[in-house]
Amino acid sequence: MGLSLLPVLLVISRLLNLRLVYAVGFGGIPGDYCRIRTPTCCPDRDDKCTAPILNNHLCYCDMFCDRTDGNDCCPDFNACMHDGIRYSEGDSIMQNCNKCVCKNNEWQCDQLTCLIQEDLLKRINAGRYTWTAKNYSNFWGRTLEDGVRYRLGTLFPEKSVQNMNEILIKPRELPSRFDAREKWPLYIHPVRDQGDCASSWSHSTTATSADRLSIITDGKMNTPLSAQQLLSCNQHRQRGCEGGYLDRAWWYIRKLGVVSELCYPYESGATQQPGECRISKSVIRTGEPFNCPSGAADPTIYKMTPPYRVSSREEDIMTEIITNGPVQATFIVHEDFFMYRYVFDRRKR
């Protein structure tokens, strides 16, 4: 009896060794294993939670399989890790604005440029600049393309506008510091959010007009003006939520005028569409009575005098602001502008 035991023990040993050789090689074998069984993953240790692999062998889909020295987990079992969480083959997560897919035991991510760039933000804040960068949470997860498409909107002026003559501004002694909000605390209106609509042209025109009207009338006309009316109704050669020209916006507000924000509130930031015009030009031109789209009681139309061009000399711009109030300006936007905080000065970078 003692002699007959030896061959049996040798066979068992050979089988165990063979099983270990195959188990070590599971990671990297392509195919669907845990994914095609129900459940795809079993809690704790479950020796029946298996899937066939390599003909007559089994791999495991239970949470215990990766706690041992031998790799007997199926190749598609919890293939990727992120923030301490395991993900299976084919699962996806978002890394800022990029989608990452678990593939062949590693994350494969899109390579889009995000609106908030952590590396750039750190470099800016580590340097000696006159401004700092901030991670704005409402921009997180958005692409730079989204920012350019939805958060800007002023189209480059045509040659005729660029060739406008600059007004002559008489030099004056300038203070070392000036804040229009302090000089006219009741007449400078809050900054508005244009949302996901490239309507900066409409917002800046109505905001500048509202502030200047308040200042010049000493508060008798003191109300935010409707960016939505300008966006929806000033459609001639304008692009609505895809951008607009400042000179055409000023033509509309000078010739026809706009109502207050309360009368015609802004909606396009949420819809991404300019919307239909709800106060027709013919009604304004003929002076017919009309109702505010919001149902507000006051449908007063506000108009502005013709715009004029100030030179790009800093002293002229400063003098104009101190004398008459806020001005409207255009500039080329770079990717770091979407993260600025305090006073932005790209020349210092």
Protein backbone atom coordinates (compact mmCIF):
# COMPACT_ATOMS: atom_id res chain seq x y z
CA MET A 1 0.00 0.00 0.00
CA GLY A 2 2.84 2.38 0.76
CA LEU A 3 4.36 1.92 -2.71
CA SER A 4 1.09 2.75 -4.51
CA LEU A 5 0.80 6.19 -2.88
CA LEU A 6 3.86 7.70 -4.53
CA PRO A 7 2.58 7.81 -8.15
CA VAL A 8 -0.68 9.40 -6.97
CA LEU A 9 1.13 12.15 -5.08
CA LEU A 10 3.35 12.84 -8.07
CA VAL A 11 0.33 13.23 -10.35
CA ILE A 12 -1.33 15.65 -7.93
CA SER A 13 1.86 17.67 -7.70
CA ARG A 14 2.14 17.86 -11.49
CA LEU A 15 -1.48 19.00 -11.79
CA LEU A 16 -0.99 21.71 -9.18
CA ASN A 17 2.14 22.98 -10.86
CA LEU A 18 0.39 23.05 -14.23
CA ARG A 19 -2.50 25.05 -12.75
CA LEU A 20 -0.08 27.62 -11.32
CA VAL A 21 1.71 28.11 -14.64
CA TYR A 22 -1.52 28.94 -16.42
CA ALA A 23 -2.80 31.15 -13.58
CA VAL A 24 0.21 33.43 -13.71
CA GLY A 25 -0.37 34.03 -17.43
CA PHE A 26 -4.00 35.19 -17.24
CA GLY A 27 -3.30 38.93 -17.21
CA GLY A 28 -3.01 39.98 -20.85
CA ILE A 29 -5.18 37.34 -22.52
CA PRO A 30 -7.78 39.27 -24.55
CA GLY A 31 -11.45 38.35 -24.37
CA ASP A 32 -14.67 38.65 -22.38
CA TYR A 33 -14.75 36.64 -19.17
CA CYS A 34 -16.24 38.34 -16.12
CA ARG A 35 -18.14 40.73 -18.38
CA ILE A 36 -20.31 37.97 -19.88
CA ARG A 37 -21.29 36.24 -16.65
CA THR A 38 -23.95 37.17 -14.08
CA PRO A 39 -23.01 38.62 -11.71
CA THR A 40 -19.90 40.10 -13.29
CA CYS A 41 -18.25 40.34 -9.86
CA CYS A 42 -18.86 38.40 -6.65
CA PRO A 43 -18.26 39.81 -3.15
CA ASP A 44 -15.65 38.30 -0.83
CA ARG A 45 -14.47 34.76 -1.69
CA ASP A 46 -16.63 32.63 -3.96
CA ASP A 47 -14.92 29.62 -5.57
CA LYS A 48 -17.87 29.21 -7.92
CA CYS A 49 -17.53 32.74 -9.28
CA THR A 50 -15.49 31.70 -12.31
CA ALA A 51 -15.33 31.96 -16.08
CA PRO A 52 -13.76 29.49 -18.55
CA ILE A 53 -10.38 30.43 -20.03
CA LEU A 54 -7.72 28.58 -22.03
CA ASN A 55 -9.86 25.57 -22.91
CA ASN A 56 -10.47 23.65 -19.66
CA HIS A 57 -9.14 26.21 -17.16
CA LEU A 58 -10.96 28.70 -14.99
CA CYS A 59 -10.28 32.26 -13.92
CA TYR A 60 -12.01 34.02 -11.03
CA CYS A 61 -14.34 37.01 -10.80
CA ASP A 62 -14.64 37.30 -7.01
CA MET A 63 -13.13 40.05 -4.88
CA PHE A 64 -10.82 37.51 -3.21
CA CYS A 65 -8.98 36.56 -6.39
CA ASP A 66 -6.53 39.47 -6.36
CA ARG A 67 -5.63 39.10 -2.68
CA THR A 68 -3.41 36.05 -3.24
CA ASP A 69 0.11 35.85 -4.63
CA GLY A 70 -1.03 33.99 -7.75
CA ASN A 71 -2.84 36.05 -10.39
CA ASP A 72 -5.88 33.87 -11.03
CA CYS A 73 -8.27 36.78 -11.70
CA CYS A 74 -9.81 36.96 -15.15
CA PRO A 75 -8.00 39.45 -17.43
CA ASP A 76 -11.07 41.73 -17.55
CA PHE A 77 -11.59 41.72 -13.76
CA ASN A 78 -11.21 45.21 -12.26
CA ALA A 79 -8.54 46.07 -14.76
CA CYS A 80 -7.92 49.74 -13.86
CA MET A 81 -7.63 51.81 -10.68
CA HIS A 82 -8.61 55.43 -10.02
CA ASP A 83 -8.77 57.14 -6.63
CA GLY A 84 -8.70 53.76 -4.90
CA ILE A 85 -11.62 52.39 -6.94
CA ARG A 86 -11.30 49.43 -9.31
CA TYR A 87 -12.80 49.58 -12.79
CA SER A 88 -13.43 46.79 -15.28
CA GLU A 89 -12.37 46.62 -18.90
CA GLY A 90 -14.50 49.03 -20.93
CA ASP A 91 -15.49 51.23 -17.98
CA SER A 92 -15.00 54.97 -18.42
CA ILE A 93 -14.37 57.97 -16.19
CA MET A 94 -13.93 61.71 -16.80
CA GLN A 95 -10.59 63.35 -16.07
CA ASN A 96 -11.45 67.04 -16.21
CA CYS A 97 -12.67 67.45 -19.82
CA ASN A 98 -11.21 64.16 -21.12
CA LYS A 99 -12.97 60.80 -21.24
CA CYS A 100 -10.78 57.89 -20.13
CA VAL A 101 -11.61 54.26 -20.99
CA CYS A 102 -10.17 51.23 -19.20
CA LYS A 103 -8.52 49.20 -21.95
CA ASN A 104 -5.94 46.43 -21.65
CA ASN A 105 -5.46 47.13 -17.94
CA GLU A 106 -4.72 50.84 -18.40
CA TRP A 107 -6.56 54.12 -18.87
CA GLN A 108 -6.66 55.44 -22.41
CA CYS A 109 -7.74 59.08 -22.37
CA ASP A 110 -8.74 61.75 -24.88
CA GLN A 111 -6.13 64.45 -25.37
CA LEU A 112 -8.36 67.53 -25.47
CA THR A 113 -7.17 70.85 -24.08
CA CYS A 114 -9.31 71.75 -21.07
CA LEU A 115 -10.60 75.18 -20.13
CA ILE A 116 -9.05 74.81 -16.67
CA GLN A 117 -5.49 73.52 -17.04
CA GLU A 118 -3.99 72.49 -13.71
CA ASP A 119 -0.36 72.61 -14.87
CA LEU A 120 -0.79 76.09 -16.35
CA LEU A 121 -2.63 77.27 -13.25
CA LYS A 122 0.22 76.09 -11.00
CA ARG A 123 2.87 77.70 -13.21
CA ILE A 124 1.07 81.04 -13.16
CA ASN A 125 0.57 81.07 -9.40
CA ALA A 126 4.18 80.01 -8.80
CA GLY A 127 5.49 82.99 -10.79
CA ARG A 128 5.79 86.67 -10.03
CA TYR A 129 2.86 88.20 -11.85
CA THR A 130 0.42 91.02 -11.19
CA TRP A 131 -2.48 88.56 -11.29
CA THR A 132 -3.31 85.06 -10.09
CA ALA A 133 -5.09 82.11 -11.67
CA LYS A 134 -8.08 80.34 -10.16
CA ASN A 135 -9.84 77.03 -10.74
CA TYR A 136 -13.40 78.16 -11.48
CA SER A 137 -15.59 75.16 -10.71
CA ASN A 138 -18.18 76.01 -13.37
CA PHE A 139 -15.41 75.78 -16.00
CA TRP A 140 -14.07 72.43 -14.74
CA GLY A 141 -14.80 69.61 -17.17
CA ARG A 142 -15.19 71.99 -20.11
CA THR A 143 -12.88 72.04 -23.11
CA LEU A 144 -10.98 75.07 -24.34
CA GLU A 145 -13.06 74.74 -27.50
CA ASP A 146 -16.20 75.15 -25.34
CA GLY A 147 -14.75 78.33 -23.85
CA VAL A 148 -13.95 79.84 -27.22
CA ARG A 149 -17.29 78.78 -28.68
CA TYR A 150 -19.59 79.84 -25.83
CA ARG A 151 -17.78 82.28 -23.51
CA LEU A 152 -16.51 84.89 -25.97
CA GLY A 153 -18.44 86.24 -28.95
CA THR A 154 -17.16 89.63 -30.10
CA LEU A 155 -16.24 89.39 -33.78
CA PHE A 156 -13.19 91.18 -35.13
CA PRO A 157 -14.26 94.62 -36.42
CA GLU A 158 -14.36 95.31 -40.12
CA LYS A 159 -11.88 97.67 -41.79
CA SER A 160 -14.29 100.60 -41.83
CA VAL A 161 -14.64 100.41 -38.06
CA GLN A 162 -10.91 99.98 -37.51
CA ASN A 163 -10.34 103.13 -39.56
CA MET A 164 -12.61 105.31 -37.41
CA ASN A 165 -10.94 108.52 -36.29
CA GLU A 166 -10.07 108.76 -32.62
CA ILE A 167 -11.54 111.62 -30.61
CA LEU A 168 -9.18 114.21 -29.22
CA ILE A 169 -8.90 113.88 -25.46
CA LYS A 170 -7.46 116.77 -23.49
CA PRO A 171 -4.76 115.54 -21.09
CA ARG A 172 -5.43 115.94 -17.40
CA GLU A 173 -3.73 115.02 -14.18
CA LEU A 174 -4.54 111.41 -13.35
CA PRO A 175 -4.73 109.83 -9.90
CA SER A 176 -2.56 106.82 -9.09
CA ARG A 177 -5.70 104.80 -8.44
CA PHE A 178 -9.32 105.02 -9.64
CA ASP A 179 -12.35 102.74 -9.30
CA ALA A 180 -15.59 103.74 -11.05
CA ARG A 181 -17.55 101.73 -8.48
CA GLU A 182 -16.28 104.06 -5.79
CA LYS A 183 -16.89 107.30 -7.68
CA TRP A 184 -20.39 106.25 -8.85
CA PRO A 185 -21.42 103.55 -6.33
CA LEU A 186 -25.12 103.72 -7.26
CA TYR A 187 -24.66 103.88 -11.02
CA ILE A 188 -22.27 101.01 -11.83
CA HIS A 189 -24.25 97.82 -12.35
CA PRO A 190 -23.15 94.27 -11.42
CA VAL A 191 -21.26 92.06 -13.86
CA ARG A 192 -23.54 89.56 -15.63
CA ASP A 193 -22.81 85.98 -16.70
CA GLN A 194 -23.41 85.37 -20.42
CA GLY A 195 -23.59 81.59 -19.83
CA ASP A 196 -23.18 79.22 -22.78
CA CYS A 197 -23.87 81.77 -25.50
CA ALA A 198 -21.21 83.79 -27.35
CA SER A 199 -23.00 87.04 -26.55
CA SER A 200 -20.22 89.15 -25.04
CA TRP A 201 -20.92 91.72 -27.77
CA SER A 202 -24.48 92.18 -26.50
CA HIS A 203 -23.62 92.14 -22.79
CA SER A 204 -20.73 94.61 -23.03
CA THR A 205 -22.75 97.04 -25.17
CA THR A 206 -25.80 97.08 -22.89
CA ALA A 207 -23.65 97.16 -19.73
CA THR A 208 -21.60 100.13 -20.94
CA SER A 209 -24.77 101.91 -22.04
CA ALA A 210 -26.56 101.31 -18.74
CA ASP A 211 -23.66 102.62 -16.65
CA ARG A 212 -23.17 105.71 -18.79
CA LEU A 213 -26.88 106.50 -18.89
CA SER A 214 -26.99 106.33 -15.10
CA ILE A 215 -23.97 108.61 -14.78
CA ILE A 216 -25.03 111.20 -17.36
CA THR A 217 -28.61 111.43 -16.01
CA ASP A 218 -27.41 111.45 -12.39
CA GLY A 219 -29.39 108.30 -11.68
CA LYS A 220 -32.67 109.30 -13.37
CA MET A 221 -32.17 106.43 -15.85
CA ASN A 222 -30.61 103.83 -13.61
CA THR A 223 -31.43 100.29 -14.69
CA PRO A 224 -29.60 97.35 -16.30
CA LEU A 225 -30.47 97.15 -20.00
CA SER A 226 -31.65 94.07 -21.87
CA ALA A 227 -28.84 92.06 -23.45
CA GLN A 228 -31.49 89.55 -24.57
CA GLN A 229 -33.36 92.07 -26.72
CA LEU A 230 -30.15 93.11 -28.45
CA LEU A 231 -29.22 89.45 -28.96
CA SER A 232 -32.63 88.33 -30.24
CA CYS A 233 -33.66 91.38 -32.25
CA ASN A 234 -30.39 92.78 -33.64
CA GLN A 235 -30.09 90.05 -36.27
CA HIS A 236 -28.94 91.92 -39.38
CA ARG A 237 -25.51 90.48 -40.23
CA GLN A 238 -25.13 89.32 -36.65
CA ARG A 239 -24.65 85.71 -35.50
CA GLY A 240 -26.57 85.62 -32.23
CA CYS A 241 -25.03 83.06 -29.87
CA GLU A 242 -22.19 82.54 -32.35
CA GLY A 243 -20.91 86.11 -32.08
CA GLY A 244 -21.66 89.66 -33.12
CA TYR A 245 -20.17 93.01 -34.19
CA LEU A 246 -20.04 95.88 -31.72
CA ASP A 247 -20.71 98.61 -34.28
CA ARG A 248 -23.99 96.94 -35.33
CA ALA A 249 -25.00 96.54 -31.70
CA TRP A 250 -24.43 100.26 -31.16
CA TRP A 251 -26.40 101.08 -34.32
CA TYR A 252 -29.40 99.17 -32.93
CA ILE A 253 -29.29 100.72 -29.48
CA ARG A 254 -28.87 104.22 -30.98
CA LYS A 255 -31.58 103.95 -33.65
CA LEU A 256 -34.14 101.72 -31.94
CA GLY A 257 -33.14 101.37 -28.30
CA VAL A 258 -33.62 98.57 -25.79
CA VAL A 259 -35.80 97.96 -22.76
CA SER A 260 -34.62 97.10 -19.27
CA GLU A 261 -33.32 93.71 -18.16
CA LEU A 262 -36.39 93.42 -15.94
CA CYS A 263 -38.66 93.90 -18.96
CA TYR A 264 -36.80 91.47 -21.26
CA PRO A 265 -34.61 89.17 -19.12
CA TYR A 266 -31.65 87.15 -20.38
CA GLU A 267 -32.31 83.48 -21.21
CA SER A 268 -29.85 82.50 -23.94
CA GLY A 269 -27.10 81.53 -21.52
CA ALA A 270 -29.14 78.45 -20.64
CA THR A 271 -30.62 77.69 -24.07
CA GLN A 272 -27.54 78.42 -26.24
CA GLN A 273 -29.94 80.00 -28.74
CA PRO A 274 -30.62 83.70 -29.42
CA GLY A 275 -34.38 83.09 -29.40
CA GLU A 276 -37.01 84.89 -31.42
CA CYS A 277 -37.39 88.65 -31.14
CA ARG A 278 -40.31 89.47 -28.84
CA ILE A 279 -40.35 93.23 -29.44
CA SER A 280 -40.54 93.93 -33.16
CA LYS A 281 -38.74 96.82 -34.84
CA SER A 282 -41.99 98.05 -36.39
CA VAL A 283 -43.61 98.42 -32.96
CA ILE A 284 -40.63 100.43 -31.71
CA ARG A 285 -40.49 102.62 -34.83
CA THR A 286 -44.19 103.46 -34.80
CA GLY A 287 -44.32 103.99 -31.06
CA GLU A 288 -47.13 101.47 -30.61
CA PRO A 289 -47.69 100.30 -27.04
CA PHE A 290 -46.35 96.84 -26.23
CA ASN A 291 -46.03 94.56 -23.24
CA CYS A 292 -42.79 93.45 -21.64
CA PRO A 293 -41.95 89.81 -22.45
CA SER A 294 -41.52 89.22 -18.70
CA GLY A 295 -44.87 90.80 -17.83
CA ALA A 296 -43.14 93.69 -16.02
CA ALA A 297 -45.03 96.98 -15.96
CA ASP A 298 -42.41 99.32 -17.45
CA PRO A 299 -41.68 98.95 -21.21
CA THR A 300 -39.57 102.11 -21.45
CA ILE A 301 -37.18 102.21 -24.42
CA TYR A 302 -33.66 103.50 -23.72
CA LYS A 303 -31.45 104.90 -26.48
CA MET A 304 -27.82 106.00 -26.64
CA THR A 305 -25.92 108.69 -28.52
CA PRO A 306 -23.51 107.59 -31.29
CA PRO A 307 -20.40 105.75 -30.08
CA TYR A 308 -16.94 107.23 -30.55
CA ARG A 309 -13.46 105.79 -30.64
CA VAL A 310 -10.86 106.40 -27.96
CA SER A 311 -7.19 105.84 -28.78
CA SER A 312 -5.34 102.84 -27.35
CA ARG A 313 -3.10 105.13 -25.27
CA GLU A 314 -3.55 104.21 -21.62
CA GLU A 315 -3.69 107.86 -20.54
CA ASP A 316 -6.54 108.57 -22.97
CA ILE A 317 -8.51 105.53 -21.81
CA MET A 318 -8.00 106.46 -18.16
CA THR A 319 -9.06 110.05 -18.79
CA GLU A 320 -12.21 108.90 -20.61
CA ILE A 321 -13.19 106.56 -17.76
CA ILE A 322 -12.65 109.20 -15.08
CA THR A 323 -14.61 111.78 -17.06
CA ASN A 324 -17.51 109.81 -18.56
CA GLY A 325 -17.55 106.33 -17.06
CA PRO A 326 -16.84 102.77 -18.22
CA VAL A 327 -15.59 102.13 -21.76
CA GLN A 328 -15.94 99.15 -24.07
CA ALA A 329 -12.76 97.44 -25.30
CA THR A 330 -11.83 94.37 -27.34
CA PHE A 331 -8.70 92.24 -27.09
CA ILE A 332 -7.32 88.89 -28.21
CA VAL A 333 -8.12 86.18 -25.65
CA HIS A 334 -5.50 83.55 -24.80
CA GLU A 335 -6.15 80.29 -22.98
CA ASP A 336 -4.92 81.60 -19.62
CA PHE A 337 -7.60 84.32 -19.58
CA PHE A 338 -10.26 81.79 -18.53
CA MET A 339 -8.43 81.30 -15.21
CA TYR A 340 -7.62 84.92 -14.34
CA ARG A 341 -8.31 86.48 -11.00
CA TYR A 342 -7.82 90.10 -9.92
CA VAL A 343 -6.12 92.38 -12.50
CA PHE A 344 -5.22 90.49 -15.67
CA ASP A 345 -2.01 91.53 -17.46
CA ARG A 346 -0.65 88.95 -19.87
CA ARG A 347 2.42 91.03 -20.68
CA LYS A 348 3.72 90.21 -17.21
CA ARG A 349 3.79 86.46 -17.93
